[in-house]
C-alpha cells in the first residue's frame, strides 16, 4: 500500500493493535465490524468480551481504513459474550 494516506496508515495501525490486544488479526476485526454494520451480527467468543466494548474511536478508524461510510446509528459495540 505504497500510496495510502497517512490517515489510512494510522487507522490501520490503530486497528491492528486493537485486534491484537484480543488475540485477533486486523482482517478478522474488519470482517466482524462489517458483518455488524451490514446485519447487526454480534461477535461472540465465549466469555472473552465480557464487560468489553468497542471504543467510540474505533468507528472513525474503521471508516478511514475501509473507505466505507458507517452511519452514526450503526456505530455500536459489536462485542458480545455467551456468559
N, C-alpha and C. Protein backbone atom coordinates (compact mmCIF):
# COMPACT_ATOMS: atom_id res chain seq x y z
N UNK A 1 0.83 -1.18 0.00
CA UNK A 1 0.00 0.00 0.00
C UNK A 1 0.88 1.25 0.00
N UNK A 2 1.68 1.37 -0.99
CA UNK A 2 2.65 2.45 -1.06
C UNK A 2 2.02 3.83 -1.13
N UNK A 3 0.82 3.94 -1.68
CA UNK A 3 0.22 5.26 -1.89
C UNK A 3 -0.88 5.59 -0.88
N UNK A 4 -1.03 4.80 0.17
CA UNK A 4 -2.10 5.12 1.11
C UNK A 4 -1.75 6.37 1.90
N UNK A 5 -2.77 7.09 2.31
CA UNK A 5 -2.56 8.34 3.04
C UNK A 5 -2.08 8.05 4.46
N UNK A 6 -1.57 9.08 5.06
CA UNK A 6 -1.12 8.98 6.46
C UNK A 6 -2.30 8.60 7.36
N UNK A 7 -3.48 9.17 7.09
CA UNK A 7 -4.68 8.86 7.88
C UNK A 7 -5.04 7.39 7.79
N UNK A 8 -4.98 6.84 6.59
CA UNK A 8 -5.30 5.42 6.39
C UNK A 8 -4.25 4.55 7.08
N UNK A 9 -2.99 4.89 6.94
CA UNK A 9 -1.92 4.12 7.58
C UNK A 9 -2.10 4.12 9.09
N UNK A 10 -2.35 5.28 9.66
CA UNK A 10 -2.53 5.38 11.12
C UNK A 10 -3.77 4.61 11.57
N UNK A 11 -4.84 4.66 10.78
CA UNK A 11 -6.05 3.93 11.13
C UNK A 11 -5.79 2.43 11.12
N UNK A 12 -5.09 1.94 10.09
CA UNK A 12 -4.78 0.51 10.01
C UNK A 12 -3.89 0.07 11.18
N UNK A 13 -2.94 0.91 11.54
CA UNK A 13 -2.07 0.58 12.67
C UNK A 13 -2.87 0.51 13.97
N UNK A 14 -3.75 1.48 14.19
CA UNK A 14 -4.58 1.50 15.40
C UNK A 14 -5.45 0.25 15.45
N UNK A 15 -6.10 -0.06 14.33
CA UNK A 15 -6.98 -1.23 14.27
C UNK A 15 -6.21 -2.53 14.45
N UNK A 16 -5.02 -2.61 13.91
CA UNK A 16 -4.19 -3.80 14.08
C UNK A 16 -3.83 -3.99 15.55
N UNK A 17 -3.41 -2.92 16.21
CA UNK A 17 -3.09 -3.01 17.65
C UNK A 17 -4.32 -3.41 18.46
N UNK A 18 -5.45 -2.82 18.13
CA UNK A 18 -6.69 -3.13 18.84
C UNK A 18 -7.05 -4.61 18.67
N UNK A 19 -7.00 -5.11 17.44
CA UNK A 19 -7.30 -6.52 17.18
C UNK A 19 -6.34 -7.43 17.93
N UNK A 20 -5.05 -7.12 17.85
CA UNK A 20 -4.04 -7.95 18.50
C UNK A 20 -4.18 -7.96 20.02
N UNK A 21 -4.74 -6.90 20.59
CA UNK A 21 -4.92 -6.86 22.05
C UNK A 21 -5.91 -7.93 22.51
N UNK A 22 -6.72 -8.43 21.59
CA UNK A 22 -7.67 -9.51 21.89
C UNK A 22 -7.22 -10.84 21.27
N UNK A 23 -6.08 -10.86 20.61
CA UNK A 23 -5.58 -12.08 20.00
C UNK A 23 -6.11 -12.35 18.61
N UNK A 24 -6.59 -11.31 17.92
CA UNK A 24 -7.13 -11.46 16.57
C UNK A 24 -6.30 -10.67 15.58
N UNK A 25 -6.58 -10.89 14.29
CA UNK A 25 -5.89 -10.16 13.25
C UNK A 25 -6.72 -8.95 12.81
N UNK A 26 -6.06 -8.06 12.12
CA UNK A 26 -6.73 -6.90 11.52
C UNK A 26 -7.88 -7.37 10.63
N UNK A 27 -7.63 -8.38 9.80
CA UNK A 27 -8.64 -8.89 8.88
C UNK A 27 -9.87 -9.43 9.59
N UNK A 28 -9.65 -10.18 10.66
CA UNK A 28 -10.78 -10.73 11.43
C UNK A 28 -11.62 -9.60 12.03
N UNK A 29 -10.95 -8.61 12.59
CA UNK A 29 -11.65 -7.48 13.20
C UNK A 29 -12.47 -6.72 12.16
N UNK A 30 -11.87 -6.44 11.02
CA UNK A 30 -12.57 -5.70 9.97
C UNK A 30 -13.78 -6.48 9.44
N UNK A 31 -13.63 -7.79 9.30
CA UNK A 31 -14.75 -8.63 8.85
C UNK A 31 -15.89 -8.57 9.85
N UNK A 32 -15.58 -8.71 11.13
CA UNK A 32 -16.62 -8.70 12.16
C UNK A 32 -17.32 -7.35 12.25
N UNK A 33 -16.56 -6.28 12.06
CA UNK A 33 -17.17 -4.94 12.06
C UNK A 33 -18.11 -4.80 10.87
N UNK A 34 -17.68 -5.28 9.72
CA UNK A 34 -18.50 -5.20 8.50
C UNK A 34 -19.79 -6.01 8.68
N UNK A 35 -19.69 -7.20 9.26
CA UNK A 35 -20.88 -8.02 9.50
C UNK A 35 -21.85 -7.31 10.43
N UNK A 36 -21.32 -6.62 11.42
CA UNK A 36 -22.18 -5.88 12.35
C UNK A 36 -22.91 -4.75 11.62
N UNK A 37 -22.18 -4.01 10.82
CA UNK A 37 -22.78 -2.88 10.09
C UNK A 37 -23.85 -3.39 9.11
N UNK A 38 -23.56 -4.47 8.42
CA UNK A 38 -24.48 -4.97 7.38
C UNK A 38 -25.66 -5.76 7.93
N UNK A 39 -25.48 -6.46 9.06
CA UNK A 39 -26.55 -7.35 9.52
C UNK A 39 -26.75 -7.39 11.03
N UNK A 40 -26.16 -6.43 11.75
CA UNK A 40 -26.29 -6.38 13.22
C UNK A 40 -25.80 -7.67 13.89
N UNK A 41 -24.83 -8.35 13.27
CA UNK A 41 -24.30 -9.59 13.83
C UNK A 41 -23.24 -9.26 14.88
N UNK A 42 -23.48 -9.72 16.10
CA UNK A 42 -22.52 -9.51 17.18
C UNK A 42 -21.41 -10.55 17.11
N UNK A 43 -20.26 -10.20 17.68
CA UNK A 43 -19.10 -11.09 17.71
C UNK A 43 -19.04 -11.73 19.08
N UNK A 44 -19.25 -13.03 19.14
CA UNK A 44 -19.25 -13.77 20.40
C UNK A 44 -18.10 -14.76 20.38
N UNK A 45 -17.24 -14.69 21.40
CA UNK A 45 -16.12 -15.62 21.54
C UNK A 45 -16.12 -16.06 23.00
N UNK A 46 -17.06 -16.95 23.34
CA UNK A 46 -17.17 -17.39 24.72
C UNK A 46 -17.33 -16.20 25.65
N UNK A 47 -16.50 -16.16 26.70
CA UNK A 47 -16.56 -15.06 27.65
C UNK A 47 -15.51 -13.99 27.42
N UNK A 48 -14.80 -14.05 26.28
CA UNK A 48 -13.70 -13.12 26.02
C UNK A 48 -14.11 -11.66 26.12
N UNK A 49 -15.28 -11.33 25.60
CA UNK A 49 -15.69 -9.93 25.54
C UNK A 49 -16.56 -9.51 26.73
N UNK A 50 -16.61 -10.33 27.78
CA UNK A 50 -17.42 -9.97 28.94
C UNK A 50 -16.96 -8.62 29.50
N UNK A 51 -17.88 -7.69 29.58
CA UNK A 51 -17.57 -6.36 30.11
C UNK A 51 -16.80 -5.48 29.16
N UNK A 52 -16.55 -5.94 27.94
CA UNK A 52 -15.77 -5.18 26.95
C UNK A 52 -16.70 -4.47 25.98
N UNK A 53 -16.24 -3.34 25.47
CA UNK A 53 -16.98 -2.57 24.47
C UNK A 53 -16.03 -2.10 23.38
N UNK A 54 -16.57 -1.93 22.21
CA UNK A 54 -15.80 -1.32 21.13
C UNK A 54 -15.75 0.18 21.43
N UNK A 55 -14.57 0.77 21.57
CA UNK A 55 -14.49 2.20 21.90
C UNK A 55 -15.02 3.07 20.76
N UNK A 56 -15.52 4.23 21.11
CA UNK A 56 -16.11 5.14 20.12
C UNK A 56 -15.16 5.44 18.97
N UNK A 57 -13.87 5.62 19.27
CA UNK A 57 -12.92 5.98 18.22
C UNK A 57 -12.69 4.85 17.21
N UNK A 58 -13.09 3.63 17.56
CA UNK A 58 -12.95 2.51 16.64
C UNK A 58 -13.56 2.83 15.29
N UNK A 59 -14.78 3.37 15.29
CA UNK A 59 -15.50 3.58 14.04
C UNK A 59 -14.85 4.62 13.14
N UNK A 60 -14.26 5.64 13.71
CA UNK A 60 -13.53 6.62 12.89
C UNK A 60 -12.36 5.95 12.19
N UNK A 61 -11.65 5.09 12.90
CA UNK A 61 -10.54 4.35 12.30
C UNK A 61 -11.04 3.36 11.24
N UNK A 62 -12.14 2.70 11.53
CA UNK A 62 -12.72 1.75 10.57
C UNK A 62 -13.08 2.46 9.26
N UNK A 63 -13.75 3.60 9.38
CA UNK A 63 -14.15 4.37 8.19
C UNK A 63 -12.92 4.80 7.39
N UNK A 64 -11.91 5.29 8.09
CA UNK A 64 -10.68 5.74 7.40
C UNK A 64 -9.99 4.58 6.69
N UNK A 65 -9.92 3.42 7.34
CA UNK A 65 -9.20 2.27 6.77
C UNK A 65 -9.99 1.58 5.67
N UNK A 66 -11.30 1.51 5.82
CA UNK A 66 -12.12 0.76 4.86
C UNK A 66 -12.65 1.61 3.72
N UNK A 67 -12.77 2.91 3.96
CA UNK A 67 -13.36 3.78 2.95
C UNK A 67 -14.87 3.67 2.90
N UNK A 68 -15.45 2.91 3.81
CA UNK A 68 -16.90 2.73 3.86
C UNK A 68 -17.51 3.73 4.83
N UNK A 69 -18.66 4.26 4.46
CA UNK A 69 -19.38 5.16 5.36
C UNK A 69 -20.19 4.32 6.34
N UNK A 70 -20.12 4.67 7.62
CA UNK A 70 -20.90 3.96 8.63
C UNK A 70 -21.75 5.00 9.35
N UNK A 71 -23.08 4.93 9.19
CA UNK A 71 -23.95 5.90 9.85
C UNK A 71 -23.79 5.85 11.37
N UNK A 72 -24.03 6.97 12.00
CA UNK A 72 -23.88 7.06 13.46
C UNK A 72 -24.70 5.99 14.18
N UNK A 73 -25.90 5.70 13.70
CA UNK A 73 -26.75 4.72 14.40
C UNK A 73 -26.29 3.28 14.19
N UNK A 74 -25.27 3.08 13.38
CA UNK A 74 -24.70 1.74 13.18
C UNK A 74 -23.35 1.58 13.88
N UNK A 75 -22.94 2.59 14.63
CA UNK A 75 -21.61 2.59 15.25
C UNK A 75 -21.65 2.11 16.70
N UNK A 76 -22.26 0.98 16.93
CA UNK A 76 -22.34 0.46 18.28
C UNK A 76 -21.20 -0.49 18.59
N UNK A 77 -21.30 -1.12 19.75
CA UNK A 77 -20.32 -2.14 20.13
C UNK A 77 -20.82 -3.48 19.64
N UNK A 78 -20.03 -4.15 18.83
CA UNK A 78 -20.44 -5.45 18.29
C UNK A 78 -19.86 -6.60 19.08
N UNK A 79 -19.19 -6.31 20.19
CA UNK A 79 -18.71 -7.37 21.07
C UNK A 79 -19.89 -7.89 21.88
N UNK A 80 -19.94 -9.20 22.08
CA UNK A 80 -20.95 -9.79 22.94
C UNK A 80 -20.32 -10.98 23.64
N UNK A 81 -21.02 -11.51 24.61
CA UNK A 81 -20.49 -12.57 25.45
C UNK A 81 -21.52 -13.67 25.58
N UNK A 82 -21.08 -14.90 25.60
CA UNK A 82 -22.00 -16.03 25.78
C UNK A 82 -22.14 -16.40 27.24
N UNK A 83 -21.78 -15.49 28.14
CA UNK A 83 -21.84 -15.76 29.58
C UNK A 83 -23.27 -15.78 30.08
